[in-house]
Amino acid sequence: MGNILEVTDANFDAEIVNADTPSMVDFWAEWCGPCKKVGPVVEELAAEYKGKIKIVKMDVDNNRDTPAKYGIRNIPTLIFFKGGKVVNTVVGAQPKSSIDGELKKLL
């Protein structure tokens, strides 16, 4: 994993729900093929949006409560938050341009 923050059930509210900046959470797992395709794209976007949008990852195998709370059944799932509320959810591997478009809506 690169320089991207891994959030957990324990710190999710502090890092995401109560955050001042909009955020995107990449829900993923080590065994998930499509997640491996999205991973590098999420890393690039995290660098590009640094300071504007908080982009983090959550391993669904190590964290059960948060994925259950947000009804995650398939991964990768990207959830976009603004003001602590879900504003969009994207399921499945998406091209960078598509994810970038969703991030721009948060600004």
C-alpha atoms as a PDB file:
ATOM      1  CA  MET A   1       0.000   0.000   0.000  1.00  0.00           C
ATOM      2  CA  GLY A   2       1.291   3.442  -0.869  1.00  0.00           C
ATOM      3  CA  ASN A   3       0.905   6.604   1.179  1.00  0.00           C
ATOM      4  CA  ILE A   4      -2.835   6.296   1.482  1.00  0.00           C
ATOM      5  CA  LEU A   5      -4.503   6.215   4.892  1.00  0.00           C
ATOM      6  CA  GLU A   6      -6.166   2.941   5.919  1.00  0.00           C
ATOM      7  CA  VAL A   7      -9.208   3.638   8.071  1.00  0.00           C
ATOM      8  CA  THR A   8     -10.749   1.130  10.479  1.00  0.00           C
ATOM      9  CA  ASP A   9     -14.084   0.642  12.212  1.00  0.00           C
ATOM     10  CA  ALA A  10     -12.459   2.284  15.252  1.00  0.00           C
ATOM     11  CA  ASN A  11     -11.411   5.552  13.560  1.00  0.00           C
ATOM     12  CA  PHE A  12     -13.944   5.799  10.711  1.00  0.00           C
ATOM     13  CA  ASP A  13     -16.189   8.404  12.345  1.00  0.00           C
ATOM     14  CA  ALA A  14     -13.244  10.548  13.422  1.00  0.00           C
ATOM     15  CA  GLU A  15     -11.519  10.374  10.018  1.00  0.00           C
ATOM     16  CA  ILE A  16     -14.545  10.510   7.698  1.00  0.00           C
ATOM     17  CA  VAL A  17     -17.922  11.315   9.266  1.00  0.00           C
ATOM     18  CA  ASN A  18     -16.572  14.141  11.436  1.00  0.00           C
ATOM     19  CA  ALA A  19     -14.018  15.389   8.896  1.00  0.00           C
ATOM     20  CA  ASP A  20     -14.067  19.011   7.735  1.00  0.00           C
ATOM     21  CA  THR A  21     -13.039  18.042   4.220  1.00  0.00           C
ATOM     22  CA  PRO A  22     -15.048  15.932   1.777  1.00  0.00           C
ATOM     23  CA  SER A  23     -13.795  12.379   1.467  1.00  0.00           C
ATOM     24  CA  MET A  24     -13.855   9.195  -0.560  1.00  0.00           C
ATOM     25  CA  VAL A  25     -13.507   5.738   0.951  1.00  0.00           C
ATOM     26  CA  ASP A  26     -12.322   2.812  -1.152  1.00  0.00           C
ATOM     27  CA  PHE A  27     -13.743  -0.387   0.370  1.00  0.00           C
ATOM     28  CA  TRP A  28     -11.521  -3.245  -0.804  1.00  0.00           C
ATOM     29  CA  ALA A  29      -9.978  -6.620   0.089  1.00  0.00           C
ATOM     30  CA  GLU A  30      -6.667  -8.329  -0.647  1.00  0.00           C
ATOM     31  CA  TRP A  31      -8.327 -11.214  -2.562  1.00  0.00           C
ATOM     32  CA  CYS A  32     -10.402  -8.941  -4.818  1.00  0.00           C
ATOM     33  CA  GLY A  33      -9.101  -8.776  -8.412  1.00  0.00           C
ATOM     34  CA  PRO A  34     -10.967  -5.623  -9.510  1.00  0.00           C
ATOM     35  CA  CYS A  35      -9.806  -3.912  -6.277  1.00  0.00           C
ATOM     36  CA  LYS A  36      -6.217  -4.370  -7.428  1.00  0.00           C
ATOM     37  CA  LYS A  37      -7.068  -2.475 -10.636  1.00  0.00           C
ATOM     38  CA  VAL A  38      -8.726   0.394  -8.738  1.00  0.00           C
ATOM     39  CA  GLY A  39      -6.007   0.596  -6.059  1.00  0.00           C
ATOM     40  CA  PRO A  40      -3.344   2.415  -8.125  1.00  0.00           C
ATOM     41  CA  VAL A  41      -5.979   4.828  -9.497  1.00  0.00           C
ATOM     42  CA  VAL A  42      -7.120   5.644  -5.949  1.00  0.00           C
ATOM     43  CA  GLU A  43      -3.465   6.218  -4.972  1.00  0.00           C
ATOM     44  CA  GLU A  44      -2.966   8.654  -7.881  1.00  0.00           C
ATOM     45  CA  LEU A  45      -6.163  10.541  -7.078  1.00  0.00           C
ATOM     46  CA  ALA A  46      -5.231  10.725  -3.379  1.00  0.00           C
ATOM     47  CA  ALA A  47      -2.018  12.502  -4.391  1.00  0.00           C
ATOM     48  CA  GLU A  48      -3.826  14.807  -6.848  1.00  0.00           C
ATOM     49  CA  TYR A  49      -6.527  15.835  -4.358  1.00  0.00           C
ATOM     50  CA  LYS A  50      -4.261  16.041  -1.303  1.00  0.00           C
ATOM     51  CA  GLY A  51      -5.453  18.843   0.964  1.00  0.00           C
ATOM     52  CA  LYS A  52      -8.795  19.149  -0.869  1.00  0.00           C
ATOM     53  CA  ILE A  53     -10.429  15.738  -0.512  1.00  0.00           C
ATOM     54  CA  LYS A  54      -9.436  13.047   1.967  1.00  0.00           C
ATOM     55  CA  ILE A  55      -9.092   9.734   0.115  1.00  0.00           C
ATOM     56  CA  VAL A  56      -8.740   6.611   2.228  1.00  0.00           C
ATOM     57  CA  LYS A  57      -9.082   2.830   2.002  1.00  0.00           C
ATOM     58  CA  MET A  58     -10.839   0.310   4.223  1.00  0.00           C
ATOM     59  CA  ASP A  59     -10.124  -3.420   4.170  1.00  0.00           C
ATOM     60  CA  VAL A  60     -13.533  -5.111   4.448  1.00  0.00           C
ATOM     61  CA  ASP A  61     -11.986  -8.334   5.793  1.00  0.00           C
ATOM     62  CA  ASN A  62     -10.466  -6.566   8.807  1.00  0.00           C
ATOM     63  CA  ASN A  63     -13.387  -4.216   9.391  1.00  0.00           C
ATOM     64  CA  ARG A  64     -16.930  -5.591   9.446  1.00  0.00           C
ATOM     65  CA  ASP A  65     -19.046  -2.897  11.117  1.00  0.00           C
ATOM     66  CA  THR A  66     -18.562   0.021   8.734  1.00  0.00           C
ATOM     67  CA  PRO A  67     -19.130  -1.947   5.500  1.00  0.00           C
ATOM     68  CA  ALA A  68     -22.280  -3.453   7.077  1.00  0.00           C
ATOM     69  CA  LYS A  69     -23.489  -0.003   8.141  1.00  0.00           C
ATOM     70  CA  TYR A  70     -23.176   1.289   4.572  1.00  0.00           C
ATOM     71  CA  GLY A  71     -24.687  -1.835   2.994  1.00  0.00           C
ATOM     72  CA  ILE A  72     -21.607  -2.889   1.074  1.00  0.00           C
ATOM     73  CA  ARG A  73     -22.151  -6.188  -0.713  1.00  0.00           C
ATOM     74  CA  ASN A  74     -19.703  -5.947  -3.593  1.00  0.00           C
ATOM     75  CA  ILE A  75     -16.183  -4.590  -3.752  1.00  0.00           C
ATOM     76  CA  PRO A  76     -14.577  -2.423  -4.799  1.00  0.00           C
ATOM     77  CA  THR A  77     -17.105   0.135  -3.600  1.00  0.00           C
ATOM     78  CA  LEU A  78     -16.246   3.823  -3.480  1.00  0.00           C
ATOM     79  CA  ILE A  79     -18.343   5.976  -1.173  1.00  0.00           C
ATOM     80  CA  PHE A  80     -18.160   9.769  -1.387  1.00  0.00           C
ATOM     81  CA  PHE A  81     -18.846  11.810   1.760  1.00  0.00           C
ATOM     82  CA  LYS A  82     -19.494  15.506   2.243  1.00  0.00           C
ATOM     83  CA  GLY A  83     -20.349  16.985   5.628  1.00  0.00           C
ATOM     84  CA  GLY A  84     -20.348  13.485   7.091  1.00  0.00           C
ATOM     85  CA  LYS A  85     -23.131  12.318   4.752  1.00  0.00           C
ATOM     86  CA  VAL A  86     -22.979   9.902   1.825  1.00  0.00           C
ATOM     87  CA  VAL A  87     -23.426  11.856  -1.403  1.00  0.00           C
ATOM     88  CA  ASN A  88     -22.626   9.072  -3.867  1.00  0.00           C
ATOM     89  CA  THR A  89     -21.695   5.404  -4.069  1.00  0.00           C
ATOM     90  CA  VAL A  90     -19.942   3.748  -7.004  1.00  0.00           C
ATOM     91  CA  VAL A  91     -19.690  -0.048  -7.159  1.00  0.00           C
ATOM     92  CA  GLY A  92     -17.164  -1.941  -9.276  1.00  0.00           C
ATOM     93  CA  ALA A  93     -13.909  -1.045 -10.971  1.00  0.00           C
ATOM     94  CA  GLN A  94     -14.217   2.380 -12.599  1.00  0.00           C
ATOM     95  CA  PRO A  95     -11.841   4.230 -14.926  1.00  0.00           C
ATOM     96  CA  LYS A  96      -9.872   7.092 -13.410  1.00  0.00           C
ATOM     97  CA  SER A  97     -11.830   9.686 -15.410  1.00  0.00           C
ATOM     98  CA  SER A  98     -15.110   8.452 -13.913  1.00  0.00           C
ATOM     99  CA  ILE A  99     -13.823   8.558 -10.318  1.00  0.00           C
ATOM    100  CA  ASP A 100     -12.218  11.950 -10.964  1.00  0.00           C
ATOM    101  CA  GLY A 101     -15.583  13.279 -12.171  1.00  0.00           C
ATOM    102  CA  GLU A 102     -17.247  12.175  -8.940  1.00  0.00           C
ATOM    103  CA  LEU A 103     -14.474  13.755  -6.848  1.00  0.00           C
ATOM    104  CA  LYS A 104     -14.864  17.079  -8.677  1.00  0.00           C
ATOM    105  CA  LYS A 105     -18.541  17.152  -7.578  1.00  0.00           C
ATOM    106  CA  LEU A 106     -17.372  17.183  -3.940  1.00  0.00           C
ATOM    107  CA  LEU A 107     -15.402  20.410  -4.334  1.00  0.00           C
END
